[in-house]
Amino acid sequence: MNLGKNIPEWDRFSVGQPSDSAKWTNPDCCLLDSISHVSHIEHGWSIIESGGIQAGLISDKSKLNRERILVAWLSPNIWQPGSRYGNVRFRFDWKELIENRQAYWVESIAYGVDACRILLTDVDHTPLVTPYDPTIGDGPWWHDKDNDKHYWNSEYCLEIMIEGDIQLSQATGIFFEKHHEEYCCISPGNCIDQGVRPHVGGASFLAGLVGRSIRLPRRLLTNPELDDRPYSDAQDAAQQLHHLLRECGKGASGGKLSQDASSAIARAIFFSLSRRNLEEAASLSKLFPSQAVMLEECKNLFYAHFGWDMEQRMV
């Protein structure tokens, strides 16, 4: 008799117990209140322009890779060596995402760290995948109904597959990660973002929003708990961008531009910096009469786009 025949596959990844200390979180029982989608910089611009994360077919070795199920990928994982998915992290509220969705266990994938995959959907996919009840507490995601808190086991990689598109209006913030030095989900060994640090990738991302005239809700970069000041990630990126502008503007001298032309050239400088083409940005800066005039024009354009000062300091 197989005594383990009724034990679900997810049992070995089960969440532990919450820590009794306010200063310590058990890694096998971390609070799950938000979840994120990480993208490369260029794809991040596309997400904003299209109004959300567009679901796609599952193309890896998943058991669902032959099904016509379209999913968007999210995870609570933060990888210290850097993310293979890019520099830009779109954060979402966990409870809002799971509302009116059924959970299904898909599989575990044996990577360096096992990846546990759960599908959230409003479509009945039994018997293709097995319903997963997070309130039981025997898997990598546990919903403690008594306290209405959700936990996950961070000793494993938790991958959430949302069936369907996710609207940008549901996002609660945009933050920046380091891209992994070696690994990349798109073009390993040939990705221009590999090894790019958070504030550098963030500077490229913000510059691209200005240079491409891409608007996004201000709330995605500002903290409502700090009087809508920019998140530290956004401010670090803005200060890096200001540093690059100062460097590029050192050669500005003697140019004569109308007001309309000044704004257009400033936007072109942001576009060049979004691609980290410092030489091109420096050449454009020479069209201004001075570094001070060039910086003022760029700072005004940044403020008009985001509503906060590029040099603003966190408190």
C-alpha atoms as a PDB file:
ATOM      1  CA  MET A   1       0.000   0.000   0.000  1.00  0.00           C
ATOM      2  CA  ASN A   2       1.325   3.468  -0.947  1.00  0.00           C
ATOM      3  CA  LEU A   3       0.850   5.558   2.170  1.00  0.00           C
ATOM      4  CA  GLY A   4       1.833   8.691   0.260  1.00  0.00           C
ATOM      5  CA  LYS A   5      -0.621   8.367  -2.583  1.00  0.00           C
ATOM      6  CA  ASN A   6      -2.931  11.048  -1.168  1.00  0.00           C
ATOM      7  CA  ILE A   7      -0.183  13.505  -0.327  1.00  0.00           C
ATOM      8  CA  PRO A   8      -0.297  16.368  -2.849  1.00  0.00           C
ATOM      9  CA  GLU A   9       2.784  17.315  -4.830  1.00  0.00           C
ATOM     10  CA  TRP A  10       2.894  20.728  -3.175  1.00  0.00           C
ATOM     11  CA  ASP A  11       3.174  19.309   0.344  1.00  0.00           C
ATOM     12  CA  ARG A  12       6.994  19.340   0.391  1.00  0.00           C
ATOM     13  CA  PHE A  13       6.963  23.105  -0.253  1.00  0.00           C
ATOM     14  CA  SER A  14       4.581  23.932   2.585  1.00  0.00           C
ATOM     15  CA  VAL A  15       4.702  27.220   4.487  1.00  0.00           C
ATOM     16  CA  GLY A  16       6.090  27.160   8.038  1.00  0.00           C
ATOM     17  CA  GLN A  17       4.937  29.160  11.040  1.00  0.00           C
ATOM     18  CA  PRO A  18       4.912  32.970  11.337  1.00  0.00           C
ATOM     19  CA  SER A  19       7.732  34.394  13.442  1.00  0.00           C
ATOM     20  CA  ASP A  20       6.983  35.444  17.008  1.00  0.00           C
ATOM     21  CA  SER A  21       9.560  38.224  16.733  1.00  0.00           C
ATOM     22  CA  ALA A  22       8.872  41.608  15.146  1.00  0.00           C
ATOM     23  CA  LYS A  23      12.554  41.752  14.167  1.00  0.00           C
ATOM     24  CA  TRP A  24      12.702  38.436  12.331  1.00  0.00           C
ATOM     25  CA  THR A  25      10.749  36.804   9.510  1.00  0.00           C
ATOM     26  CA  ASN A  26      10.951  33.070   9.048  1.00  0.00           C
ATOM     27  CA  PRO A  27      12.061  32.559   5.410  1.00  0.00           C
ATOM     28  CA  ASP A  28       9.599  29.690   5.043  1.00  0.00           C
ATOM     29  CA  CYS A  29       6.718  31.922   6.201  1.00  0.00           C
ATOM     30  CA  CYS A  30       6.924  35.378   4.634  1.00  0.00           C
ATOM     31  CA  LEU A  31       3.994  37.770   4.475  1.00  0.00           C
ATOM     32  CA  LEU A  32       2.411  37.779   1.021  1.00  0.00           C
ATOM     33  CA  ASP A  33       0.729  41.148   0.554  1.00  0.00           C
ATOM     34  CA  SER A  34       2.127  42.177  -2.824  1.00  0.00           C
ATOM     35  CA  ILE A  35       3.423  40.484  -5.950  1.00  0.00           C
ATOM     36  CA  SER A  36       5.339  41.756  -8.949  1.00  0.00           C
ATOM     37  CA  HIS A  37       5.960  41.432 -12.647  1.00  0.00           C
ATOM     38  CA  VAL A  38       9.568  42.225 -13.644  1.00  0.00           C
ATOM     39  CA  SER A  39      10.411  43.300 -17.178  1.00  0.00           C
ATOM     40  CA  HIS A  40      13.258  44.643 -19.253  1.00  0.00           C
ATOM     41  CA  ILE A  41      13.351  48.409 -19.679  1.00  0.00           C
ATOM     42  CA  GLU A  42      12.038  48.495 -23.235  1.00  0.00           C
ATOM     43  CA  HIS A  43       9.223  46.089 -22.438  1.00  0.00           C
ATOM     44  CA  GLY A  44       8.367  48.245 -19.429  1.00  0.00           C
ATOM     45  CA  TRP A  45       7.672  51.169 -21.760  1.00  0.00           C
ATOM     46  CA  SER A  46       5.430  48.889 -23.845  1.00  0.00           C
ATOM     47  CA  ILE A  47       3.493  47.795 -20.758  1.00  0.00           C
ATOM     48  CA  ILE A  48       2.712  51.423 -19.941  1.00  0.00           C
ATOM     49  CA  GLU A  49       1.824  52.338 -23.528  1.00  0.00           C
ATOM     50  CA  SER A  50      -0.493  49.338 -23.912  1.00  0.00           C
ATOM     51  CA  GLY A  51      -2.101  49.909 -20.516  1.00  0.00           C
ATOM     52  CA  GLY A  52      -1.081  46.656 -18.892  1.00  0.00           C
ATOM     53  CA  ILE A  53       0.695  43.307 -18.978  1.00  0.00           C
ATOM     54  CA  GLN A  54      -0.507  41.308 -21.943  1.00  0.00           C
ATOM     55  CA  ALA A  55      -0.916  37.585 -21.377  1.00  0.00           C
ATOM     56  CA  GLY A  56       0.885  35.149 -23.646  1.00  0.00           C
ATOM     57  CA  LEU A  57       1.167  31.444 -24.347  1.00  0.00           C
ATOM     58  CA  ILE A  58       3.324  29.337 -22.038  1.00  0.00           C
ATOM     59  CA  SER A  59       6.452  28.471 -23.991  1.00  0.00           C
ATOM     60  CA  ASP A  60       8.801  26.695 -21.570  1.00  0.00           C
ATOM     61  CA  LYS A  61       8.745  23.058 -20.427  1.00  0.00           C
ATOM     62  CA  SER A  62       5.543  23.519 -18.427  1.00  0.00           C
ATOM     63  CA  LYS A  63       2.827  20.859 -18.623  1.00  0.00           C
ATOM     64  CA  LEU A  64       0.591  23.621 -20.026  1.00  0.00           C
ATOM     65  CA  ASN A  65       2.849  24.519 -22.941  1.00  0.00           C
ATOM     66  CA  ARG A  66       0.552  22.764 -25.431  1.00  0.00           C
ATOM     67  CA  GLU A  67      -2.606  24.386 -24.131  1.00  0.00           C
ATOM     68  CA  ARG A  68      -4.150  27.590 -25.463  1.00  0.00           C
ATOM     69  CA  ILE A  69      -4.065  29.212 -22.036  1.00  0.00           C
ATOM     70  CA  LEU A  70      -2.774  32.810 -22.040  1.00  0.00           C
ATOM     71  CA  VAL A  71      -1.108  33.911 -18.820  1.00  0.00           C
ATOM     72  CA  ALA A  72       0.786  36.823 -17.291  1.00  0.00           C
ATOM     73  CA  TRP A  73       3.599  35.912 -14.904  1.00  0.00           C
ATOM     74  CA  LEU A  74       4.122  37.350 -11.430  1.00  0.00           C
ATOM     75  CA  SER A  75       6.134  36.435  -8.362  1.00  0.00           C
ATOM     76  CA  PRO A  76       6.897  37.709  -4.848  1.00  0.00           C
ATOM     77  CA  ASN A  77      10.564  36.691  -5.263  1.00  0.00           C
ATOM     78  CA  ILE A  78      13.335  39.255  -4.965  1.00  0.00           C
ATOM     79  CA  TRP A  79      16.618  37.813  -6.239  1.00  0.00           C
ATOM     80  CA  GLN A  80      19.668  39.277  -4.504  1.00  0.00           C
ATOM     81  CA  PRO A  81      22.136  38.460  -7.349  1.00  0.00           C
ATOM     82  CA  GLY A  82      19.777  40.217  -9.774  1.00  0.00           C
ATOM     83  CA  SER A  83      16.738  39.345 -11.839  1.00  0.00           C
ATOM     84  CA  ARG A  84      16.979  37.475 -15.127  1.00  0.00           C
ATOM     85  CA  TYR A  85      13.753  39.204 -16.189  1.00  0.00           C
ATOM     86  CA  GLY A  86      15.082  42.782 -16.235  1.00  0.00           C
ATOM     87  CA  ASN A  87      15.260  46.002 -14.233  1.00  0.00           C
ATOM     88  CA  VAL A  88      11.657  47.225 -13.944  1.00  0.00           C
ATOM     89  CA  ARG A  89       9.307  45.800 -11.302  1.00  0.00           C
ATOM     90  CA  PHE A  90       5.573  46.441 -11.492  1.00  0.00           C
ATOM     91  CA  ARG A  91       4.022  45.802  -8.062  1.00  0.00           C
ATOM     92  CA  PHE A  92       0.421  44.639  -7.491  1.00  0.00           C
ATOM     93  CA  ASP A  93      -1.746  44.082  -4.437  1.00  0.00           C
ATOM     94  CA  TRP A  94      -2.058  40.356  -3.774  1.00  0.00           C
ATOM     95  CA  LYS A  95      -5.567  40.337  -2.329  1.00  0.00           C
ATOM     96  CA  GLU A  96      -6.912  42.361  -5.241  1.00  0.00           C
ATOM     97  CA  LEU A  97      -5.370  40.004  -7.802  1.00  0.00           C
ATOM     98  CA  ILE A  98      -6.760  36.821  -6.260  1.00  0.00           C
ATOM     99  CA  GLU A  99     -10.292  38.206  -5.851  1.00  0.00           C
ATOM    100  CA  ASN A 100     -12.852  36.144  -7.793  1.00  0.00           C
ATOM    101  CA  ARG A 101     -10.143  33.796  -9.079  1.00  0.00           C
ATOM    102  CA  GLN A 102      -9.771  30.070  -8.479  1.00  0.00           C
ATOM    103  CA  ALA A 103      -6.311  28.681  -7.700  1.00  0.00           C
ATOM    104  CA  TYR A 104      -4.880  25.586  -9.393  1.00  0.00           C
ATOM    105  CA  TRP A 105      -1.630  23.783  -8.746  1.00  0.00           C
ATOM    106  CA  VAL A 106       0.252  23.468 -12.026  1.00  0.00           C
ATOM    107  CA  GLU A 107       3.642  21.940 -11.215  1.00  0.00           C
ATOM    108  CA  SER A 108       7.030  22.324  -9.632  1.00  0.00           C
ATOM    109  CA  ILE A 109       9.980  22.901 -11.952  1.00  0.00           C
ATOM    110  CA  ALA A 110      13.424  21.773 -10.819  1.00  0.00           C
ATOM    111  CA  TYR A 111      15.647  24.800 -11.412  1.00  0.00           C
ATOM    112  CA  GLY A 112      18.562  25.706  -9.127  1.00  0.00           C
ATOM    113  CA  VAL A 113      15.800  26.555  -6.656  1.00  0.00           C
ATOM    114  CA  ASP A 114      12.556  24.653  -7.236  1.00  0.00           C
ATOM    115  CA  ALA A 115       9.839  26.807  -8.797  1.00  0.00           C
ATOM    116  CA  CYS A 116       6.275  26.220  -7.603  1.00  0.00           C
ATOM    117  CA  ARG A 117       3.649  27.279 -10.142  1.00  0.00           C
ATOM    118  CA  ILE A 118       0.076  28.191  -9.298  1.00  0.00           C
ATOM    119  CA  LEU A 119      -2.526  29.275 -11.840  1.00  0.00           C
ATOM    120  CA  LEU A 120      -5.100  31.904 -10.872  1.00  0.00           C
ATOM    121  CA  THR A 121      -8.101  32.062 -13.165  1.00  0.00           C
ATOM    122  CA  ASP A 122     -11.879  32.451 -13.394  1.00  0.00           C
ATOM    123  CA  VAL A 123     -12.048  29.471 -15.787  1.00  0.00           C
ATOM    124  CA  ASP A 124     -12.576  25.866 -14.659  1.00  0.00           C
ATOM    125  CA  HIS A 125      -9.488  23.940 -15.773  1.00  0.00           C
ATOM    126  CA  THR A 126     -10.123  20.631 -14.022  1.00  0.00           C
ATOM    127  CA  PRO A 127      -8.968  17.932 -14.599  1.00  0.00           C
ATOM    128  CA  LEU A 128      -6.110  19.530 -16.561  1.00  0.00           C
ATOM    129  CA  VAL A 129      -4.747  20.975 -13.317  1.00  0.00           C
ATOM    130  CA  THR A 130      -5.608  20.309  -9.665  1.00  0.00           C
ATOM    131  CA  PRO A 131      -7.566  22.814  -7.538  1.00  0.00           C
ATOM    132  CA  TYR A 132      -5.392  24.346  -4.812  1.00  0.00           C
ATOM    133  CA  ASP A 133      -6.923  25.473  -1.513  1.00  0.00           C
ATOM    134  CA  PRO A 134      -4.556  27.935   0.202  1.00  0.00           C
ATOM    135  CA  THR A 135      -6.559  27.860   3.447  1.00  0.00           C
ATOM    136  CA  ILE A 136      -5.402  24.313   4.206  1.00  0.00           C
ATOM    137  CA  GLY A 137      -1.815  25.473   4.687  1.00  0.00           C
ATOM    138  CA  ASP A 138      -0.114  22.449   3.138  1.00  0.00           C
ATOM    139  CA  GLY A 139       1.610  24.206   0.219  1.00  0.00           C
ATOM    140  CA  PRO A 140       3.852  27.170  -0.703  1.00  0.00           C
ATOM    141  CA  TRP A 141       0.989  29.667  -0.324  1.00  0.00           C
ATOM    142  CA  TRP A 142      -1.111  29.748   2.833  1.00  0.00           C
ATOM    143  CA  HIS A 143      -4.136  31.917   3.582  1.00  0.00           C
ATOM    144  CA  ASP A 144      -4.554  32.210   7.338  1.00  0.00           C
ATOM    145  CA  LYS A 145      -8.286  32.892   7.392  1.00  0.00           C
ATOM    146  CA  ASP A 146      -8.382  33.607  11.130  1.00  0.00           C
ATOM    147  CA  ASN A 147      -6.153  36.677  10.636  1.00  0.00           C
ATOM    148  CA  ASP A 148      -6.907  37.147   6.937  1.00  0.00           C
ATOM    149  CA  LYS A 149      -3.201  37.135   6.148  1.00  0.00           C
ATOM    150  CA  HIS A 150      -1.405  35.397   3.313  1.00  0.00           C
ATOM    151  CA  TYR A 151       2.045  33.805   3.564  1.00  0.00           C
ATOM    152  CA  TRP A 152       4.470  32.106   1.194  1.00  0.00           C
ATOM    153  CA  ASN A 153       7.572  29.942   1.519  1.00  0.00           C
ATOM    154  CA  SER A 154      10.446  32.076   0.212  1.00  0.00           C
ATOM    155  CA  GLU A 155      12.874  29.164   0.328  1.00  0.00           C
ATOM    156  CA  TYR A 156      11.400  28.228  -3.031  1.00  0.00           C
ATOM    157  CA  CYS A 157      10.515  30.265  -6.091  1.00  0.00           C
ATOM    158  CA  LEU A 158       6.787  30.955  -6.243  1.00  0.00           C
ATOM    159  CA  GLU A 159       5.547  31.668  -9.778  1.00  0.00           C
ATOM    160  CA  ILE A 160       1.978  32.858 -10.197  1.00  0.00           C
ATOM    161  CA  MET A 161       0.300  32.501 -13.579  1.00  0.00           C
ATOM    162  CA  ILE A 162      -2.650  34.876 -14.013  1.00  0.00           C
ATOM    163  CA  GLU A 163      -4.914  33.841 -16.853  1.00  0.00           C
ATOM    164  CA  GLY A 164      -5.628  36.939 -18.933  1.00  0.00           C
ATOM    165  CA  ASP A 165      -4.195  40.432 -19.160  1.00  0.00           C
ATOM    166  CA  ILE A 166      -3.436  42.515 -16.074  1.00  0.00           C
ATOM    167  CA  GLN A 167      -4.400  46.177 -16.287  1.00  0.00           C
ATOM    168  CA  LEU A 168      -1.868  48.853 -15.390  1.00  0.00           C
ATOM    169  CA  SER A 169      -4.598  50.502 -13.330  1.00  0.00           C
ATOM    170  CA  GLN A 170      -4.203  47.621 -10.855  1.00  0.00           C
ATOM    171  CA  ALA A 171      -0.494  48.331 -10.275  1.00  0.00           C
ATOM    172  CA  THR A 172       0.427  49.935  -6.956  1.00  0.00           C
ATOM    173  CA  GLY A 173       3.990  51.003  -7.773  1.00  0.00           C
ATOM    174  CA  ILE A 174       7.003  50.765 -10.068  1.00  0.00           C
ATOM    175  CA  PHE A 175      10.423  49.929  -8.633  1.00  0.00           C
ATOM    176  CA  PHE A 176      13.837  48.996  -9.999  1.00  0.00           C
ATOM    177  CA  GLU A 177      15.950  45.866  -9.704  1.00  0.00           C
ATOM    178  CA  LYS A 178      19.447  44.876 -10.718  1.00  0.00           C
ATOM    179  CA  HIS A 179      19.560  42.753 -13.860  1.00  0.00           C
ATOM    180  CA  HIS A 180      21.508  39.553 -13.269  1.00  0.00           C
ATOM    181  CA  GLU A 181      25.115  39.627 -14.447  1.00  0.00           C
ATOM    182  CA  GLU A 182      24.903  36.384 -16.459  1.00  0.00           C
ATOM    183  CA  TYR A 183      21.320  35.165 -16.746  1.00  0.00           C
ATOM    184  CA  CYS A 184      18.672  36.723 -18.955  1.00  0.00           C
ATOM    185  CA  CYS A 185      15.272  35.369 -19.959  1.00  0.00           C
ATOM    186  CA  ILE A 186      15.432  37.046 -23.379  1.00  0.00           C
ATOM    187  CA  SER A 187      18.983  37.102 -24.684  1.00  0.00           C
ATOM    188  CA  PRO A 188      21.584  35.669 -22.290  1.00  0.00           C
ATOM    189  CA  GLY A 189      25.077  36.903 -23.109  1.00  0.00           C
ATOM    190  CA  ASN A 190      23.748  39.499 -25.533  1.00  0.00           C
ATOM    191  CA  CYS A 191      21.438  41.659 -23.407  1.00  0.00           C
ATOM    192  CA  ILE A 192      22.539  45.275 -23.020  1.00  0.00           C
ATOM    193  CA  ASP A 193      20.890  45.388 -19.596  1.00  0.00           C
ATOM    194  CA  GLN A 194      22.785  42.483 -18.024  1.00  0.00           C
ATOM    195  CA  GLY A 195      24.472  43.614 -14.830  1.00  0.00           C
ATOM    196  CA  VAL A 196      22.798  47.037 -14.942  1.00  0.00           C
ATOM    197  CA  ARG A 197      22.195  48.281 -11.401  1.00  0.00           C
ATOM    198  CA  PRO A 198      18.798  49.492 -10.167  1.00  0.00           C
ATOM    199  CA  HIS A 199      19.445  53.259 -10.257  1.00  0.00           C
ATOM    200  CA  VAL A 200      21.104  53.035 -13.687  1.00  0.00           C
ATOM    201  CA  GLY A 201      18.293  50.962 -15.166  1.00  0.00           C
ATOM    202  CA  GLY A 202      15.786  53.244 -13.476  1.00  0.00           C
ATOM    203  CA  ALA A 203      17.437  56.309 -15.014  1.00  0.00           C
ATOM    204  CA  SER A 204      17.131  54.754 -18.478  1.00  0.00           C
ATOM    205  CA  PHE A 205      13.497  53.895 -17.794  1.00  0.00           C
ATOM    206  CA  LEU A 206      12.555  57.406 -16.625  1.00  0.00           C
ATOM    207  CA  ALA A 207      14.500  59.003 -19.473  1.00  0.00           C
ATOM    208  CA  GLY A 208      12.602  56.830 -21.938  1.00  0.00           C
ATOM    209  CA  LEU A 209       9.254  57.906 -20.538  1.00  0.00           C
ATOM    210  CA  VAL A 210      10.193  61.551 -21.086  1.00  0.00           C
ATOM    211  CA  GLY A 211      11.975  61.031 -24.401  1.00  0.00           C
ATOM    212  CA  ARG A 212       9.118  58.993 -25.844  1.00  0.00           C
ATOM    213  CA  SER A 213       6.378  61.160 -24.301  1.00  0.00           C
ATOM    214  CA  ILE A 214       4.947  58.128 -22.466  1.00  0.00           C
ATOM    215  CA  ARG A 215       2.638  59.150 -19.642  1.00  0.00           C
ATOM    216  CA  LEU A 216       1.991  57.041 -16.578  1.00  0.00           C
ATOM    217  CA  PRO A 217      -0.046  57.613 -13.414  1.00  0.00           C
ATOM    218  CA  ARG A 218       2.043  59.654 -11.001  1.00  0.00           C
ATOM    219  CA  ARG A 219       0.989  57.400  -8.113  1.00  0.00           C
ATOM    220  CA  LEU A 220       3.143  54.556  -9.518  1.00  0.00           C
ATOM    221  CA  LEU A 221       6.330  56.429  -8.627  1.00  0.00           C
ATOM    222  CA  THR A 222       5.241  58.242  -5.466  1.00  0.00           C
ATOM    223  CA  ASN A 223       4.526  57.108  -1.932  1.00  0.00           C
ATOM    224  CA  PRO A 224       1.097  58.084  -0.550  1.00  0.00           C
ATOM    225  CA  GLU A 225       2.384  57.437   2.969  1.00  0.00           C
ATOM    226  CA  LEU A 226       5.043  60.159   2.534  1.00  0.00           C
ATOM    227  CA  ASP A 227       2.878  62.970   1.154  1.00  0.00           C
ATOM    228  CA  ASP A 228       3.274  61.579  -2.384  1.00  0.00           C
ATOM    229  CA  ARG A 229       7.020  62.078  -2.422  1.00  0.00           C
ATOM    230  CA  PRO A 230       8.749  59.813  -4.942  1.00  0.00           C
ATOM    231  CA  TYR A 231       9.716  56.337  -3.801  1.00  0.00           C
ATOM    232  CA  SER A 232      13.430  56.034  -3.033  1.00  0.00           C
ATOM    233  CA  ASP A 233      13.867  53.857  -6.155  1.00  0.00           C
ATOM    234  CA  ALA A 234      12.422  56.573  -8.363  1.00  0.00           C
ATOM    235  CA  GLN A 235      14.437  59.328  -6.688  1.00  0.00           C
ATOM    236  CA  ASP A 236      17.697  57.377  -6.939  1.00  0.00           C
ATOM    237  CA  ALA A 237      16.990  56.904 -10.645  1.00  0.00           C
ATOM    238  CA  ALA A 238      16.153  60.599 -11.096  1.00  0.00           C
ATOM    239  CA  GLN A 239      19.353  61.697  -9.369  1.00  0.00           C
ATOM    240  CA  GLN A 240      21.381  59.354 -11.582  1.00  0.00           C
ATOM    241  CA  LEU A 241      19.625  60.877 -14.584  1.00  0.00           C
ATOM    242  CA  HIS A 242      20.445  64.381 -13.336  1.00  0.00           C
ATOM    243  CA  HIS A 243      24.096  63.353 -12.961  1.00  0.00           C
ATOM    244  CA  LEU A 244      24.168  62.115 -16.567  1.00  0.00           C
ATOM    245  CA  LEU A 245      22.586  65.335 -17.789  1.00  0.00           C
ATOM    246  CA  ARG A 246      25.228  67.394 -15.998  1.00  0.00           C
ATOM    247  CA  GLU A 247      27.983  65.318 -17.594  1.00  0.00           C
ATOM    248  CA  CYS A 248      26.468  65.559 -21.062  1.00  0.00           C
ATOM    249  CA  GLY A 249      25.876  69.280 -20.734  1.00  0.00           C
ATOM    250  CA  LYS A 250      29.487  70.225 -20.023  1.00  0.00           C
ATOM    251  CA  GLY A 251      30.082  70.973 -23.684  1.00  0.00           C
ATOM    252  CA  ALA A 252      27.042  73.230 -24.107  1.00  0.00           C
ATOM    253  CA  SER A 253      28.255  76.592 -25.400  1.00  0.00           C
ATOM    254  CA  GLY A 254      27.012  79.258 -27.764  1.00  0.00           C
ATOM    255  CA  GLY A 255      23.975  77.521 -29.223  1.00  0.00           C
ATOM    256  CA  LYS A 256      20.896  79.564 -30.062  1.00  0.00           C
ATOM    257  CA  LEU A 257      17.545  77.827 -29.828  1.00  0.00           C
ATOM    258  CA  SER A 258      13.974  79.043 -29.833  1.00  0.00           C
ATOM    259  CA  GLN A 259      11.793  77.957 -26.913  1.00  0.00           C
ATOM    260  CA  ASP A 260      10.038  75.323 -29.020  1.00  0.00           C
ATOM    261  CA  ALA A 261      13.341  74.003 -30.318  1.00  0.00           C
ATOM    262  CA  SER A 262      14.824  73.923 -26.804  1.00  0.00           C
ATOM    263  CA  SER A 263      12.038  71.681 -25.576  1.00  0.00           C
ATOM    264  CA  ALA A 264      12.376  69.366 -28.569  1.00  0.00           C
ATOM    265  CA  ILE A 265      16.157  69.050 -28.172  1.00  0.00           C
ATOM    266  CA  ALA A 266      15.779  68.424 -24.435  1.00  0.00           C
ATOM    267  CA  ARG A 267      13.354  65.613 -25.177  1.00  0.00           C
ATOM    268  CA  ALA A 268      15.820  64.181 -27.713  1.00  0.00           C
ATOM    269  CA  ILE A 269      18.524  64.223 -25.017  1.00  0.00           C
ATOM    270  CA  PHE A 270      16.282  62.184 -22.723  1.00  0.00           C
ATOM    271  CA  PHE A 271      15.659  59.765 -25.595  1.00  0.00           C
ATOM    272  CA  SER A 272      19.423  59.326 -26.115  1.00  0.00           C
ATOM    273  CA  LEU A 273      19.984  58.738 -22.412  1.00  0.00           C
ATOM    274  CA  SER A 274      17.221  56.126 -22.352  1.00  0.00           C
ATOM    275  CA  ARG A 275      19.431  54.112 -24.711  1.00  0.00           C
ATOM    276  CA  ARG A 276      22.510  55.041 -22.649  1.00  0.00           C
ATOM    277  CA  ASN A 277      24.003  56.786 -25.657  1.00  0.00           C
ATOM    278  CA  LEU A 278      25.966  59.445 -23.779  1.00  0.00           C
ATOM    279  CA  GLU A 279      27.901  60.581 -26.842  1.00  0.00           C
ATOM    280  CA  GLU A 280      24.721  61.412 -28.736  1.00  0.00           C
ATOM    281  CA  ALA A 281      23.245  63.196 -25.712  1.00  0.00           C
ATOM    282  CA  ALA A 282      26.438  65.277 -25.372  1.00  0.00           C
ATOM    283  CA  SER A 283      26.284  66.261 -29.053  1.00  0.00           C
ATOM    284  CA  LEU A 284      22.690  67.430 -28.665  1.00  0.00           C
ATOM    285  CA  SER A 285      23.607  69.383 -25.535  1.00  0.00           C
ATOM    286  CA  LYS A 286      26.062  71.500 -27.525  1.00  0.00           C
ATOM    287  CA  LEU A 287      23.082  73.162 -29.219  1.00  0.00           C
ATOM    288  CA  PHE A 288      22.293  74.991 -25.979  1.00  0.00           C
ATOM    289  CA  PRO A 289      23.963  78.284 -25.068  1.00  0.00           C
ATOM    290  CA  SER A 290      25.238  76.881 -21.751  1.00  0.00           C
ATOM    291  CA  GLN A 291      25.105  73.917 -19.435  1.00  0.00           C
ATOM    292  CA  ALA A 292      22.874  75.880 -17.054  1.00  0.00           C
ATOM    293  CA  VAL A 293      20.296  76.595 -19.753  1.00  0.00           C
ATOM    294  CA  MET A 294      20.352  72.983 -20.942  1.00  0.00           C
ATOM    295  CA  LEU A 295      19.893  71.636 -17.398  1.00  0.00           C
ATOM    296  CA  GLU A 296      17.072  74.040 -16.655  1.00  0.00           C
ATOM    297  CA  GLU A 297      15.218  73.008 -19.813  1.00  0.00           C
ATOM    298  CA  CYS A 298      15.636  69.302 -19.014  1.00  0.00           C
ATOM    299  CA  LYS A 299      14.606  69.766 -15.381  1.00  0.00           C
ATOM    300  CA  ASN A 300      11.474  71.644 -16.448  1.00  0.00           C
ATOM    301  CA  LEU A 301      10.598  68.913 -18.934  1.00  0.00           C
ATOM    302  CA  PHE A 302      11.087  66.247 -16.257  1.00  0.00           C
ATOM    303  CA  TYR A 303       8.899  68.159 -13.788  1.00  0.00           C
ATOM    304  CA  ALA A 304       6.162  68.657 -16.387  1.00  0.00           C
ATOM    305  CA  HIS A 305       6.191  64.916 -17.045  1.00  0.00           C
ATOM    306  CA  PHE A 306       6.271  63.556 -13.489  1.00  0.00           C
ATOM    307  CA  GLY A 307       5.233  66.414 -11.225  1.00  0.00           C
ATOM    308  CA  TRP A 308       8.283  66.296  -8.959  1.00  0.00           C
ATOM    309  CA  ASP A 309      11.778  67.742  -8.972  1.00  0.00           C
ATOM    310  CA  MET A 310      14.583  65.613 -10.379  1.00  0.00           C
ATOM    311  CA  GLU A 311      16.855  66.801  -7.562  1.00  0.00           C
ATOM    312  CA  GLN A 312      14.323  66.329  -4.777  1.00  0.00           C
ATOM    313  CA  ARG A 313      15.807  64.614  -1.755  1.00  0.00           C
ATOM    314  CA  MET A 314      14.088  61.967   0.311  1.00  0.00           C
ATOM    315  CA  VAL A 315      13.400  62.744   3.976  1.00  0.00           C
END
